[in-house]
Amino acid sequence: MKRAPIAIAATAIALLSGCDDATGNAPGGVTRSPVRVTTVLVKERTDPVEVRRSATLRSRVDVRLATESAGLVVSRPIPAGTRVAKNAIVVRLSDTAERAALTAARARLAGLAREGVSLAERQTAAAAVQQAEELLRMRTVLAPAAGTLDGYDIEEGDYAVPGAHVGRLVDPSRLWLIANVLENEILGVEPGAAVWIEVPAGPDTRFPGKVIRRGSAALPGTGQFEVEIDVDADARLLPGFIATVGIPLKGTRARRLIPRDAVFQRHGTWRLFAVMEDDGTARARERTVRVQSVPGHPELVDLTAGVDTGTRIIVRGRIGIVDGDPLRIEDR
C-alpha cells in the first residue's frame, strides 16, 4: 500500500509522455490527422505613398461681428441660422441723433450753393456731410461677406459699447484645413494633389480636397511643415469637425499585406504558421515575423520580415495547431 503513490506518479508520467513531438506525430508512430486550414499566398504589391494626419476643418469666412460705436440695440433683422448676403444689415443701433445730424449737414451744404460763398466754406460743409454719413453708417453692423449667421451675442434692448461682439458669421461651403507633415515628407507633397478627408460624422465616406499650399519653412522648434488644403463643399461637413486627411506623396513603396487573422503573439513576438512541404505532405511550420499596422485597414498587417514572398501562410484553422502538424488545405 505504501507503494501506491509511486504507481500513480508513474502513470502520470506515462500519460504526459504521450504528447506530440516536434514533427507533429505522436510517439509510437501514431500519426496526427491532417488539420483543415485556409491559406493565402504572401505577395508583394506596390502602392502609392500616403501620410495621414488629424486636423480641424475651418471656414474661410469665420467672423466675430462687432459694433463700431456705442448705442442701444433696436433691431436684429435677420434670424440666427439664416444665410445672408454680403453687406446685409445684421444689427441696428439707435440712430435718431445721427439721422438728424445728417439732415442738418445736408441742408447746410445745400444752402451754400448761392453765389458769394467761398470754396473753403463749401468744402467744410461737404466734409461735414461725409462725417455725418459715416457716423450714421456706424450705427449698423453689416455682414462683411456672404455666409450663415450662426448666432447672436447680444439682444434687442441691450446697450452695446464700441467693439462689443454681436454675433458670428461663418460659411460652411468654404472649408479648409492645415495638416502638419514631417521634414522627410514635405518634399513629397505636391501643390494641386488630390487628398481625401474622413470625419466621425460620416465614417463611411471620403470627401475630396486639394493641396493649395506647401509650407516653405518649418514651424519654429517642431521640424514640421504646414500643408494647406481646400475641402470641396459638402453639406455633411461643418467647421470645427476633427478630420483625418490622407495626403499622397511622390513615389511608391512595396508592401506585403496579409490578413490580421494570420498572425498571433507568443512570448512577446509576432508569429504565424507557414505551409511547408515535407515528403509530399503539407505541414505547418511556426515562424517568428515582424509586422506593422496598416492605417485605415485594421483587418490587415504589413509583413516586413520573417517569411519570404511566395510563401503560403495559414489564415483560418490555425487554432490548436502545433509545429509540424499535417495540413489539409481547403483553398487549393
C-alpha atoms as a PDB file:
ATOM      1  CA  MET A   1       0.000   0.000   0.000  1.00  0.00           C
ATOM      2  CA  LYS A   2       2.838   2.365   0.675  1.00  0.00           C
ATOM      3  CA  ARG A   3       3.907   1.989  -2.976  1.00  0.00           C
ATOM      4  CA  ALA A   4       0.568   3.329  -4.394  1.00  0.00           C
ATOM      5  CA  PRO A   5       1.719   6.989  -4.769  1.00  0.00           C
ATOM      6  CA  ILE A   6       4.716   5.776  -6.762  1.00  0.00           C
ATOM      7  CA  ALA A   7       2.399   3.881  -9.098  1.00  0.00           C
ATOM      8  CA  ILE A   8       0.162   6.952  -9.592  1.00  0.00           C
ATOM      9  CA  ALA A   9       3.178   9.128 -10.380  1.00  0.00           C
ATOM     10  CA  ALA A  10       4.423   6.590 -12.882  1.00  0.00           C
ATOM     11  CA  THR A  11       1.020   6.572 -14.576  1.00  0.00           C
ATOM     12  CA  ALA A  12       1.022  10.398 -14.817  1.00  0.00           C
ATOM     13  CA  ILE A  13       4.483  10.354 -16.381  1.00  0.00           C
ATOM     14  CA  ALA A  14       3.330   7.769 -18.854  1.00  0.00           C
ATOM     15  CA  LEU A  15       0.339   9.950 -19.849  1.00  0.00           C
ATOM     16  CA  LEU A  16       2.500  13.059 -20.237  1.00  0.00           C
ATOM     17  CA  SER A  17       4.949  11.161 -22.382  1.00  0.00           C
ATOM     18  CA  GLY A  18       2.134  10.655 -24.903  1.00  0.00           C
ATOM     19  CA  CYS A  19       2.264  14.322 -26.021  1.00  0.00           C
ATOM     20  CA  ASP A  20       3.160  15.113 -29.664  1.00  0.00           C
ATOM     21  CA  ASP A  21       6.760  15.617 -30.660  1.00  0.00           C
ATOM     22  CA  ALA A  22       8.123  18.408 -32.873  1.00  0.00           C
ATOM     23  CA  THR A  23       7.217  16.512 -36.045  1.00  0.00           C
ATOM     24  CA  GLY A  24       3.508  16.630 -35.357  1.00  0.00           C
ATOM     25  CA  ASN A  25       3.348  12.848 -34.836  1.00  0.00           C
ATOM     26  CA  ALA A  26       2.579  11.129 -31.567  1.00  0.00           C
ATOM     27  CA  PRO A  27       5.194   8.751 -30.081  1.00  0.00           C
ATOM     28  CA  GLY A  28       4.990   5.183 -31.145  1.00  0.00           C
ATOM     29  CA  GLY A  29       4.407   6.084 -34.783  1.00  0.00           C
ATOM     30  CA  VAL A  30       0.841   7.362 -34.272  1.00  0.00           C
ATOM     31  CA  THR A  31       0.166   9.995 -36.960  1.00  0.00           C
ATOM     32  CA  ARG A  32      -1.965  13.079 -36.241  1.00  0.00           C
ATOM     33  CA  SER A  33      -4.867  13.639 -38.565  1.00  0.00           C
ATOM     34  CA  PRO A  34      -4.440  16.459 -41.107  1.00  0.00           C
ATOM     35  CA  VAL A  35      -5.870  19.766 -39.953  1.00  0.00           C
ATOM     36  CA  ARG A  36      -8.193  21.587 -42.352  1.00  0.00           C
ATOM     37  CA  VAL A  37      -6.957  25.127 -42.967  1.00  0.00           C
ATOM     38  CA  THR A  38      -7.433  28.063 -45.308  1.00  0.00           C
ATOM     39  CA  THR A  39      -4.304  29.777 -46.608  1.00  0.00           C
ATOM     40  CA  VAL A  40      -3.159  32.781 -48.631  1.00  0.00           C
ATOM     41  CA  LEU A  41      -0.021  33.383 -50.643  1.00  0.00           C
ATOM     42  CA  VAL A  42       2.298  36.161 -49.449  1.00  0.00           C
ATOM     43  CA  LYS A  43       2.507  38.622 -52.335  1.00  0.00           C
ATOM     44  CA  GLU A  44       4.329  41.894 -52.738  1.00  0.00           C
ATOM     45  CA  ARG A  45       2.461  44.844 -54.162  1.00  0.00           C
ATOM     46  CA  THR A  46       3.444  48.391 -54.965  1.00  0.00           C
ATOM     47  CA  ASP A  47       1.243  51.139 -53.506  1.00  0.00           C
ATOM     48  CA  PRO A  48       1.324  54.930 -53.613  1.00  0.00           C
ATOM     49  CA  VAL A  49       2.883  56.512 -50.544  1.00  0.00           C
ATOM     50  CA  GLU A  50       0.400  58.325 -48.332  1.00  0.00           C
ATOM     51  CA  VAL A  51       0.543  60.054 -44.960  1.00  0.00           C
ATOM     52  CA  ARG A  52      -2.418  60.556 -42.663  1.00  0.00           C
ATOM     53  CA  ARG A  53      -2.869  63.426 -40.268  1.00  0.00           C
ATOM     54  CA  SER A  54      -5.581  64.794 -37.986  1.00  0.00           C
ATOM     55  CA  ALA A  55      -6.712  68.372 -38.495  1.00  0.00           C
ATOM     56  CA  THR A  56      -9.651  70.658 -37.742  1.00  0.00           C
ATOM     57  CA  LEU A  57     -11.943  71.854 -40.504  1.00  0.00           C
ATOM     58  CA  ARG A  58     -12.137  75.644 -40.714  1.00  0.00           C
ATOM     59  CA  SER A  59     -14.198  78.116 -42.714  1.00  0.00           C
ATOM     60  CA  ARG A  60     -12.662  80.759 -44.953  1.00  0.00           C
ATOM     61  CA  VAL A  61     -15.338  83.047 -43.523  1.00  0.00           C
ATOM     62  CA  ASP A  62     -15.466  82.900 -39.721  1.00  0.00           C
ATOM     63  CA  VAL A  63     -16.012  86.376 -38.320  1.00  0.00           C
ATOM     64  CA  ARG A  64     -16.953  87.743 -34.915  1.00  0.00           C
ATOM     65  CA  LEU A  65     -19.228  90.651 -35.795  1.00  0.00           C
ATOM     66  CA  ALA A  66     -18.738  93.720 -33.604  1.00  0.00           C
ATOM     67  CA  THR A  67     -20.072  97.248 -33.202  1.00  0.00           C
ATOM     68  CA  GLU A  68     -18.081 100.340 -34.128  1.00  0.00           C
ATOM     69  CA  SER A  69     -19.917 102.754 -31.832  1.00  0.00           C
ATOM     70  CA  ALA A  70     -21.947 102.758 -28.622  1.00  0.00           C
ATOM     71  CA  GLY A  71     -25.712 102.638 -28.540  1.00  0.00           C
ATOM     72  CA  LEU A  72     -28.947 100.808 -27.818  1.00  0.00           C
ATOM     73  CA  VAL A  73     -29.657  97.692 -29.912  1.00  0.00           C
ATOM     74  CA  VAL A  74     -33.009  98.378 -31.576  1.00  0.00           C
ATOM     75  CA  SER A  75     -33.149  95.645 -34.198  1.00  0.00           C
ATOM     76  CA  ARG A  76     -31.763  92.236 -35.221  1.00  0.00           C
ATOM     77  CA  PRO A  77     -33.475  91.913 -38.602  1.00  0.00           C
ATOM     78  CA  ILE A  78     -32.031  88.535 -39.625  1.00  0.00           C
ATOM     79  CA  PRO A  79     -32.884  85.346 -37.664  1.00  0.00           C
ATOM     80  CA  ALA A  80     -29.942  83.266 -36.442  1.00  0.00           C
ATOM     81  CA  GLY A  81     -29.114  80.372 -38.757  1.00  0.00           C
ATOM     82  CA  THR A  82     -30.039  82.316 -41.887  1.00  0.00           C
ATOM     83  CA  ARG A  83     -27.857  82.555 -44.972  1.00  0.00           C
ATOM     84  CA  VAL A  84     -27.046  86.228 -45.609  1.00  0.00           C
ATOM     85  CA  ALA A  85     -25.539  88.190 -48.478  1.00  0.00           C
ATOM     86  CA  LYS A  86     -22.513  90.435 -48.228  1.00  0.00           C
ATOM     87  CA  ASN A  87     -23.350  93.851 -46.642  1.00  0.00           C
ATOM     88  CA  ALA A  88     -26.639  92.606 -45.197  1.00  0.00           C
ATOM     89  CA  ILE A  89     -27.620  94.520 -42.024  1.00  0.00           C
ATOM     90  CA  VAL A  90     -27.263  92.221 -39.029  1.00  0.00           C
ATOM     91  CA  VAL A  91     -27.751  94.660 -36.106  1.00  0.00           C
ATOM     92  CA  ARG A  92     -29.103  98.211 -35.878  1.00  0.00           C
ATOM     93  CA  LEU A  93     -28.294 100.640 -33.085  1.00  0.00           C
ATOM     94  CA  SER A  94     -30.454 103.645 -32.215  1.00  0.00           C
ATOM     95  CA  ASP A  95     -29.668 106.351 -34.798  1.00  0.00           C
ATOM     96  CA  THR A  96     -32.145 109.203 -34.236  1.00  0.00           C
ATOM     97  CA  ALA A  97     -29.447 111.731 -33.374  1.00  0.00           C
ATOM     98  CA  GLU A  98     -27.217 110.661 -36.251  1.00  0.00           C
ATOM     99  CA  ARG A  99     -30.031 110.943 -38.797  1.00  0.00           C
ATOM    100  CA  ALA A 100     -30.878 114.428 -37.524  1.00  0.00           C
ATOM    101  CA  ALA A 101     -27.240 115.475 -37.764  1.00  0.00           C
ATOM    102  CA  LEU A 102     -27.033 114.198 -41.336  1.00  0.00           C
ATOM    103  CA  THR A 103     -30.194 116.063 -42.353  1.00  0.00           C
ATOM    104  CA  ALA A 104     -28.818 119.289 -40.884  1.00  0.00           C
ATOM    105  CA  ALA A 105     -25.429 118.833 -42.587  1.00  0.00           C
ATOM    106  CA  ARG A 106     -27.049 118.261 -45.971  1.00  0.00           C
ATOM    107  CA  ALA A 107     -29.285 121.300 -45.530  1.00  0.00           C
ATOM    108  CA  ARG A 108     -26.312 123.478 -44.705  1.00  0.00           C
ATOM    109  CA  LEU A 109     -24.425 122.248 -47.758  1.00  0.00           C
ATOM    110  CA  ALA A 110     -27.435 122.926 -49.955  1.00  0.00           C
ATOM    111  CA  GLY A 111     -27.733 126.441 -48.541  1.00  0.00           C
ATOM    112  CA  LEU A 112     -24.178 127.262 -49.581  1.00  0.00           C
ATOM    113  CA  ALA A 113     -24.919 126.858 -53.271  1.00  0.00           C
ATOM    114  CA  ARG A 114     -25.600 130.549 -53.713  1.00  0.00           C
ATOM    115  CA  GLU A 115     -23.021 132.895 -55.099  1.00  0.00           C
ATOM    116  CA  GLY A 116     -20.617 134.652 -52.773  1.00  0.00           C
ATOM    117  CA  VAL A 117     -19.831 131.617 -50.640  1.00  0.00           C
ATOM    118  CA  SER A 118     -16.173 130.695 -50.629  1.00  0.00           C
ATOM    119  CA  LEU A 119     -14.853 127.340 -51.854  1.00  0.00           C
ATOM    120  CA  ALA A 120     -13.409 126.666 -48.400  1.00  0.00           C
ATOM    121  CA  GLU A 121     -16.870 127.012 -46.800  1.00  0.00           C
ATOM    122  CA  ARG A 122     -18.420 124.617 -49.305  1.00  0.00           C
ATOM    123  CA  GLN A 123     -15.605 122.100 -48.771  1.00  0.00           C
ATOM    124  CA  THR A 124     -16.070 122.307 -44.995  1.00  0.00           C
ATOM    125  CA  ALA A 125     -19.815 121.752 -45.359  1.00  0.00           C
ATOM    126  CA  ALA A 126     -19.251 118.776 -47.706  1.00  0.00           C
ATOM    127  CA  ALA A 127     -16.829 117.241 -45.232  1.00  0.00           C
ATOM    128  CA  ALA A 128     -19.447 117.633 -42.501  1.00  0.00           C
ATOM    129  CA  VAL A 129     -21.944 115.705 -44.640  1.00  0.00           C
ATOM    130  CA  GLN A 130     -19.427 112.886 -45.183  1.00  0.00           C
ATOM    131  CA  GLN A 131     -18.716 112.716 -41.460  1.00  0.00           C
ATOM    132  CA  ALA A 132     -22.432 112.578 -40.624  1.00  0.00           C
ATOM    133  CA  GLU A 133     -22.927 109.797 -43.191  1.00  0.00           C
ATOM    134  CA  GLU A 134     -20.079 107.802 -41.655  1.00  0.00           C
ATOM    135  CA  LEU A 135     -21.452 108.205 -38.132  1.00  0.00           C
ATOM    136  CA  LEU A 136     -24.846 107.002 -39.356  1.00  0.00           C
ATOM    137  CA  ARG A 137     -23.222 104.008 -41.106  1.00  0.00           C
ATOM    138  CA  MET A 138     -21.540 103.048 -37.842  1.00  0.00           C
ATOM    139  CA  ARG A 139     -24.984 102.595 -36.272  1.00  0.00           C
ATOM    140  CA  THR A 140     -25.398  99.342 -38.206  1.00  0.00           C
ATOM    141  CA  VAL A 141     -23.374  96.111 -38.209  1.00  0.00           C
ATOM    142  CA  LEU A 142     -23.032  94.638 -41.711  1.00  0.00           C
ATOM    143  CA  ALA A 143     -22.059  91.167 -42.899  1.00  0.00           C
ATOM    144  CA  PRO A 144     -18.558  91.571 -44.400  1.00  0.00           C
ATOM    145  CA  ALA A 145     -19.098  88.533 -46.659  1.00  0.00           C
ATOM    146  CA  ALA A 146     -21.771  86.059 -47.623  1.00  0.00           C
ATOM    147  CA  GLY A 147     -22.309  83.324 -45.071  1.00  0.00           C
ATOM    148  CA  THR A 148     -24.556  81.923 -42.376  1.00  0.00           C
ATOM    149  CA  LEU A 149     -25.414  83.976 -39.301  1.00  0.00           C
ATOM    150  CA  ASP A 150     -24.538  81.284 -36.767  1.00  0.00           C
ATOM    151  CA  GLY A 151     -25.862  83.128 -33.718  1.00  0.00           C
ATOM    152  CA  TYR A 152     -26.168  86.371 -31.780  1.00  0.00           C
ATOM    153  CA  ASP A 153     -24.190  87.501 -28.742  1.00  0.00           C
ATOM    154  CA  ILE A 154     -26.459  90.447 -27.959  1.00  0.00           C
ATOM    155  CA  GLU A 155     -30.190  91.001 -27.521  1.00  0.00           C
ATOM    156  CA  GLU A 156     -32.536  93.772 -28.600  1.00  0.00           C
ATOM    157  CA  GLY A 157     -32.632  96.349 -25.839  1.00  0.00           C
ATOM    158  CA  ASP A 158     -29.030  95.743 -24.775  1.00  0.00           C
ATOM    159  CA  TYR A 159     -26.633  98.659 -24.698  1.00  0.00           C
ATOM    160  CA  ALA A 160     -23.571  97.971 -26.866  1.00  0.00           C
ATOM    161  CA  VAL A 161     -20.178  99.555 -26.385  1.00  0.00           C
ATOM    162  CA  PRO A 162     -17.688 100.014 -29.243  1.00  0.00           C
ATOM    163  CA  GLY A 163     -16.155  96.660 -30.150  1.00  0.00           C
ATOM    164  CA  ALA A 164     -18.882  94.574 -28.493  1.00  0.00           C
ATOM    165  CA  HIS A 165     -19.403  91.182 -30.144  1.00  0.00           C
ATOM    166  CA  VAL A 166     -22.896  90.909 -31.566  1.00  0.00           C
ATOM    167  CA  GLY A 167     -22.757  87.617 -33.493  1.00  0.00           C
ATOM    168  CA  ARG A 168     -20.795  85.126 -35.535  1.00  0.00           C
ATOM    169  CA  LEU A 169     -20.779  84.755 -39.322  1.00  0.00           C
ATOM    170  CA  VAL A 170     -19.475  81.533 -40.903  1.00  0.00           C
ATOM    171  CA  ASP A 171     -19.586  79.984 -44.362  1.00  0.00           C
ATOM    172  CA  PRO A 172     -19.704  76.151 -44.211  1.00  0.00           C
ATOM    173  CA  SER A 173     -19.358  75.985 -48.001  1.00  0.00           C
ATOM    174  CA  ARG A 174     -15.799  77.358 -47.918  1.00  0.00           C
ATOM    175  CA  LEU A 175     -13.869  74.852 -45.819  1.00  0.00           C
ATOM    176  CA  TRP A 176     -10.139  74.354 -45.460  1.00  0.00           C
ATOM    177  CA  LEU A 177      -7.628  72.835 -43.054  1.00  0.00           C
ATOM    178  CA  ILE A 178      -3.966  72.824 -42.127  1.00  0.00           C
ATOM    179  CA  ALA A 179      -2.151  69.482 -41.773  1.00  0.00           C
ATOM    180  CA  ASN A 180       1.415  69.246 -40.464  1.00  0.00           C
ATOM    181  CA  VAL A 181       3.864  66.835 -42.089  1.00  0.00           C
ATOM    182  CA  LEU A 182       7.426  65.868 -41.196  1.00  0.00           C
ATOM    183  CA  GLU A 183      10.567  67.209 -42.834  1.00  0.00           C
ATOM    184  CA  ASN A 184      11.192  63.900 -44.607  1.00  0.00           C
ATOM    185  CA  GLU A 185       7.681  64.098 -46.102  1.00  0.00           C
ATOM    186  CA  ILE A 186       7.250  67.737 -47.135  1.00  0.00           C
ATOM    187  CA  LEU A 187       9.170  67.494 -50.432  1.00  0.00           C
ATOM    188  CA  GLY A 188       6.874  64.650 -51.483  1.00  0.00           C
ATOM    189  CA  VAL A 189       3.790  66.860 -51.159  1.00  0.00           C
ATOM    190  CA  GLU A 190       2.749  68.403 -54.476  1.00  0.00           C
ATOM    191  CA  PRO A 191       0.538  71.527 -54.708  1.00  0.00           C
ATOM    192  CA  GLY A 192      -2.639  70.629 -56.553  1.00  0.00           C
ATOM    193  CA  ALA A 193      -2.541  66.997 -55.380  1.00  0.00           C
ATOM    194  CA  ALA A 194      -5.935  65.443 -54.621  1.00  0.00           C
ATOM    195  CA  VAL A 195      -6.465  64.399 -50.991  1.00  0.00           C
ATOM    196  CA  TRP A 196      -9.268  62.712 -49.080  1.00  0.00           C
ATOM    197  CA  ILE A 197     -10.904  63.653 -45.786  1.00  0.00           C
ATOM    198  CA  GLU A 198     -12.806  61.497 -43.298  1.00  0.00           C
ATOM    199  CA  VAL A 199     -14.838  62.738 -40.319  1.00  0.00           C
ATOM    200  CA  PRO A 200     -16.530  60.812 -37.468  1.00  0.00           C
ATOM    201  CA  ALA A 201     -19.901  62.222 -38.575  1.00  0.00           C
ATOM    202  CA  GLY A 202     -19.510  60.360 -41.890  1.00  0.00           C
ATOM    203  CA  PRO A 203     -17.282  57.359 -41.130  1.00  0.00           C
ATOM    204  CA  ASP A 204     -18.077  55.533 -44.372  1.00  0.00           C
ATOM    205  CA  THR A 205     -17.445  58.482 -46.695  1.00  0.00           C
ATOM    206  CA  ARG A 206     -14.283  60.047 -48.048  1.00  0.00           C
ATOM    207  CA  PHE A 207     -14.640  63.683 -49.020  1.00  0.00           C
ATOM    208  CA  PRO A 208     -12.339  65.213 -51.665  1.00  0.00           C
ATOM    209  CA  GLY A 209      -9.938  68.102 -51.238  1.00  0.00           C
ATOM    210  CA  LYS A 210      -6.850  69.612 -52.828  1.00  0.00           C
ATOM    211  CA  VAL A 211      -3.426  70.801 -51.650  1.00  0.00           C
ATOM    212  CA  ILE A 212      -3.155  74.549 -52.326  1.00  0.00           C
ATOM    213  CA  ARG A 213      -0.007  75.402 -50.367  1.00  0.00           C
ATOM    214  CA  ARG A 214       3.098  73.603 -49.170  1.00  0.00           C
ATOM    215  CA  GLY A 215       4.967  75.243 -46.303  1.00  0.00           C
ATOM    216  CA  SER A 216       8.274  76.827 -47.288  1.00  0.00           C
ATOM    217  CA  ALA A 217       9.755  76.761 -43.784  1.00  0.00           C
ATOM    218  CA  ALA A 218       9.386  74.530 -40.736  1.00  0.00           C
ATOM    219  CA  LEU A 219       7.263  75.667 -37.851  1.00  0.00           C
ATOM    220  CA  PRO A 220       9.676  77.019 -35.211  1.00  0.00           C
ATOM    221  CA  GLY A 221      11.026  74.330 -32.922  1.00  0.00           C
ATOM    222  CA  THR A 222       8.946  71.496 -34.409  1.00  0.00           C
ATOM    223  CA  GLY A 223      10.599  70.210 -37.584  1.00  0.00           C
ATOM    224  CA  GLN A 224       7.114  70.091 -39.111  1.00  0.00           C
ATOM    225  CA  PHE A 225       5.728  71.865 -42.152  1.00  0.00           C
ATOM    226  CA  GLU A 226       2.247  73.146 -42.902  1.00  0.00           C
ATOM    227  CA  VAL A 227       0.187  71.802 -45.781  1.00  0.00           C
ATOM    228  CA  GLU A 228      -2.869  73.936 -46.577  1.00  0.00           C
ATOM    229  CA  ILE A 229      -5.822  72.097 -48.099  1.00  0.00           C
ATOM    230  CA  ASP A 230      -9.085  73.301 -49.620  1.00  0.00           C
ATOM    231  CA  VAL A 231     -12.025  70.974 -48.985  1.00  0.00           C
ATOM    232  CA  ASP A 232     -14.821  70.567 -51.509  1.00  0.00           C
ATOM    233  CA  ALA A 233     -18.159  71.935 -50.299  1.00  0.00           C
ATOM    234  CA  ASP A 234     -20.486  69.323 -48.819  1.00  0.00           C
ATOM    235  CA  ALA A 235     -23.482  69.822 -46.536  1.00  0.00           C
ATOM    236  CA  ARG A 236     -22.241  66.944 -44.342  1.00  0.00           C
ATOM    237  CA  LEU A 237     -19.064  68.841 -43.419  1.00  0.00           C
ATOM    238  CA  LEU A 238     -19.075  71.666 -40.888  1.00  0.00           C
ATOM    239  CA  PRO A 239     -16.413  73.968 -39.437  1.00  0.00           C
ATOM    240  CA  GLY A 240     -14.926  72.515 -36.264  1.00  0.00           C
ATOM    241  CA  PHE A 241     -15.126  68.859 -37.324  1.00  0.00           C
ATOM    242  CA  ILE A 242     -11.993  66.880 -36.454  1.00  0.00           C
ATOM    243  CA  ALA A 243     -10.901  65.242 -39.695  1.00  0.00           C
ATOM    244  CA  THR A 244      -8.422  62.617 -40.805  1.00  0.00           C
ATOM    245  CA  VAL A 245      -6.767  63.685 -44.031  1.00  0.00           C
ATOM    246  CA  GLY A 246      -4.858  61.430 -46.414  1.00  0.00           C
ATOM    247  CA  ILE A 247      -2.095  63.237 -48.316  1.00  0.00           C
ATOM    248  CA  PRO A 248      -0.339  61.462 -51.208  1.00  0.00           C
ATOM    249  CA  LEU A 249       3.439  61.748 -51.539  1.00  0.00           C
ATOM    250  CA  LYS A 250       5.513  61.369 -54.671  1.00  0.00           C
ATOM    251  CA  GLY A 251       6.847  57.860 -55.210  1.00  0.00           C
ATOM    252  CA  THR A 252       5.687  54.348 -54.334  1.00  0.00           C
ATOM    253  CA  ARG A 253       6.519  51.669 -51.779  1.00  0.00           C
ATOM    254  CA  ALA A 254       6.406  47.891 -51.785  1.00  0.00           C
ATOM    255  CA  ARG A 255       4.267  46.193 -49.139  1.00  0.00           C
ATOM    256  CA  ARG A 256       3.222  42.652 -48.296  1.00  0.00           C
ATOM    257  CA  LEU A 257      -0.280  42.901 -46.878  1.00  0.00           C
ATOM    258  CA  ILE A 258      -1.710  39.821 -45.185  1.00  0.00           C
ATOM    259  CA  PRO A 259      -4.876  39.242 -43.129  1.00  0.00           C
ATOM    260  CA  ARG A 260      -4.578  40.208 -39.476  1.00  0.00           C
ATOM    261  CA  ASP A 261      -6.048  36.804 -38.568  1.00  0.00           C
ATOM    262  CA  ALA A 262      -2.914  35.088 -39.875  1.00  0.00           C
ATOM    263  CA  VAL A 263      -0.663  36.404 -37.080  1.00  0.00           C
ATOM    264  CA  PHE A 264      -0.656  35.930 -33.317  1.00  0.00           C
ATOM    265  CA  GLN A 265       1.570  36.833 -30.408  1.00  0.00           C
ATOM    266  CA  ARG A 266       3.537  34.382 -28.291  1.00  0.00           C
ATOM    267  CA  HIS A 267       6.260  35.213 -25.784  1.00  0.00           C
ATOM    268  CA  GLY A 268       6.149  38.848 -26.845  1.00  0.00           C
ATOM    269  CA  THR A 269       6.772  38.212 -30.536  1.00  0.00           C
ATOM    270  CA  TRP A 270       4.535  38.085 -33.598  1.00  0.00           C
ATOM    271  CA  ARG A 271       4.220  34.667 -35.230  1.00  0.00           C
ATOM    272  CA  LEU A 272       2.373  32.832 -37.967  1.00  0.00           C
ATOM    273  CA  PHE A 273       2.169  29.360 -39.451  1.00  0.00           C
ATOM    274  CA  ALA A 274       3.709  28.892 -42.883  1.00  0.00           C
ATOM    275  CA  VAL A 275       2.914  25.902 -45.091  1.00  0.00           C
ATOM    276  CA  MET A 276       5.955  23.761 -45.925  1.00  0.00           C
ATOM    277  CA  GLU A 277       6.152  20.569 -47.963  1.00  0.00           C
ATOM    278  CA  ASP A 278       7.678  17.563 -46.203  1.00  0.00           C
ATOM    279  CA  ASP A 279       7.953  14.411 -48.370  1.00  0.00           C
ATOM    280  CA  GLY A 280       4.844  15.443 -50.273  1.00  0.00           C
ATOM    281  CA  THR A 281       2.888  16.347 -47.125  1.00  0.00           C
ATOM    282  CA  ALA A 282       1.901  19.915 -46.359  1.00  0.00           C
ATOM    283  CA  ARG A 283       2.864  20.737 -42.774  1.00  0.00           C
ATOM    284  CA  ALA A 284       2.538  23.776 -40.517  1.00  0.00           C
ATOM    285  CA  ARG A 285       5.787  25.499 -39.600  1.00  0.00           C
ATOM    286  CA  GLU A 286       5.723  28.250 -36.989  1.00  0.00           C
ATOM    287  CA  ARG A 287       7.687  31.344 -37.937  1.00  0.00           C
ATOM    288  CA  THR A 288       8.626  34.467 -35.974  1.00  0.00           C
ATOM    289  CA  VAL A 289       7.795  37.554 -38.048  1.00  0.00           C
ATOM    290  CA  ARG A 290       7.716  41.330 -37.910  1.00  0.00           C
ATOM    291  CA  VAL A 291       4.563  43.186 -38.874  1.00  0.00           C
ATOM    292  CA  GLN A 292       3.214  46.720 -38.740  1.00  0.00           C
ATOM    293  CA  SER A 293      -0.302  48.087 -38.778  1.00  0.00           C
ATOM    294  CA  VAL A 294      -1.943  49.437 -41.929  1.00  0.00           C
ATOM    295  CA  PRO A 295      -3.691  52.769 -41.210  1.00  0.00           C
ATOM    296  CA  GLY A 296      -7.337  52.637 -42.123  1.00  0.00           C
ATOM    297  CA  HIS A 297      -7.299  48.837 -42.542  1.00  0.00           C
ATOM    298  CA  PRO A 298      -7.429  47.103 -39.147  1.00  0.00           C
ATOM    299  CA  GLU A 299      -8.109  43.792 -40.897  1.00  0.00           C
ATOM    300  CA  LEU A 300      -4.635  43.817 -42.491  1.00  0.00           C
ATOM    301  CA  VAL A 301      -0.999  43.964 -41.397  1.00  0.00           C
ATOM    302  CA  ASP A 302       2.152  44.680 -43.383  1.00  0.00           C
ATOM    303  CA  LEU A 303       4.548  41.716 -43.209  1.00  0.00           C
ATOM    304  CA  THR A 304       8.020  43.245 -43.081  1.00  0.00           C
ATOM    305  CA  ALA A 305      10.244  40.278 -42.150  1.00  0.00           C
ATOM    306  CA  GLY A 306      10.312  36.591 -41.242  1.00  0.00           C
ATOM    307  CA  VAL A 307       8.674  34.968 -44.277  1.00  0.00           C
ATOM    308  CA  ASP A 308       9.647  35.143 -47.937  1.00  0.00           C
ATOM    309  CA  THR A 309       7.377  36.402 -50.692  1.00  0.00           C
ATOM    310  CA  GLY A 310       5.617  33.456 -52.344  1.00  0.00           C
ATOM    311  CA  THR A 311       5.197  31.537 -49.070  1.00  0.00           C
ATOM    312  CA  ARG A 312       1.750  30.163 -48.299  1.00  0.00           C
ATOM    313  CA  ILE A 313       0.505  31.013 -44.779  1.00  0.00           C
ATOM    314  CA  ILE A 314      -2.439  29.823 -42.719  1.00  0.00           C
ATOM    315  CA  VAL A 315      -5.284  32.278 -42.180  1.00  0.00           C
ATOM    316  CA  ARG A 316      -8.109  30.119 -40.805  1.00  0.00           C
ATOM    317  CA  GLY A 317      -7.957  26.911 -38.829  1.00  0.00           C
ATOM    318  CA  ARG A 318      -4.682  27.638 -37.046  1.00  0.00           C
ATOM    319  CA  ILE A 319      -6.178  27.438 -33.512  1.00  0.00           C
ATOM    320  CA  GLY A 320      -4.763  24.333 -31.832  1.00  0.00           C
ATOM    321  CA  ILE A 321      -2.154  23.687 -34.499  1.00  0.00           C
ATOM    322  CA  VAL A 322       1.362  22.815 -33.361  1.00  0.00           C
ATOM    323  CA  ASP A 323       4.550  22.991 -35.356  1.00  0.00           C
ATOM    324  CA  GLY A 324       4.776  20.075 -37.763  1.00  0.00           C
ATOM    325  CA  ASP A 325       1.063  19.262 -37.945  1.00  0.00           C
ATOM    326  CA  PRO A 326      -0.037  17.832 -41.303  1.00  0.00           C
ATOM    327  CA  LEU A 327      -2.487  20.025 -43.169  1.00  0.00           C
ATOM    328  CA  ARG A 328      -5.442  19.661 -45.458  1.00  0.00           C
ATOM    329  CA  ILE A 329      -5.564  22.907 -47.424  1.00  0.00           C
ATOM    330  CA  GLU A 330      -9.148  23.808 -48.288  1.00  0.00           C
ATOM    331  CA  ASP A 331      -8.472  26.693 -50.678  1.00  0.00           C
ATOM    332  CA  ARG A 332      -6.466  24.757 -53.261  1.00  0.00           C
END
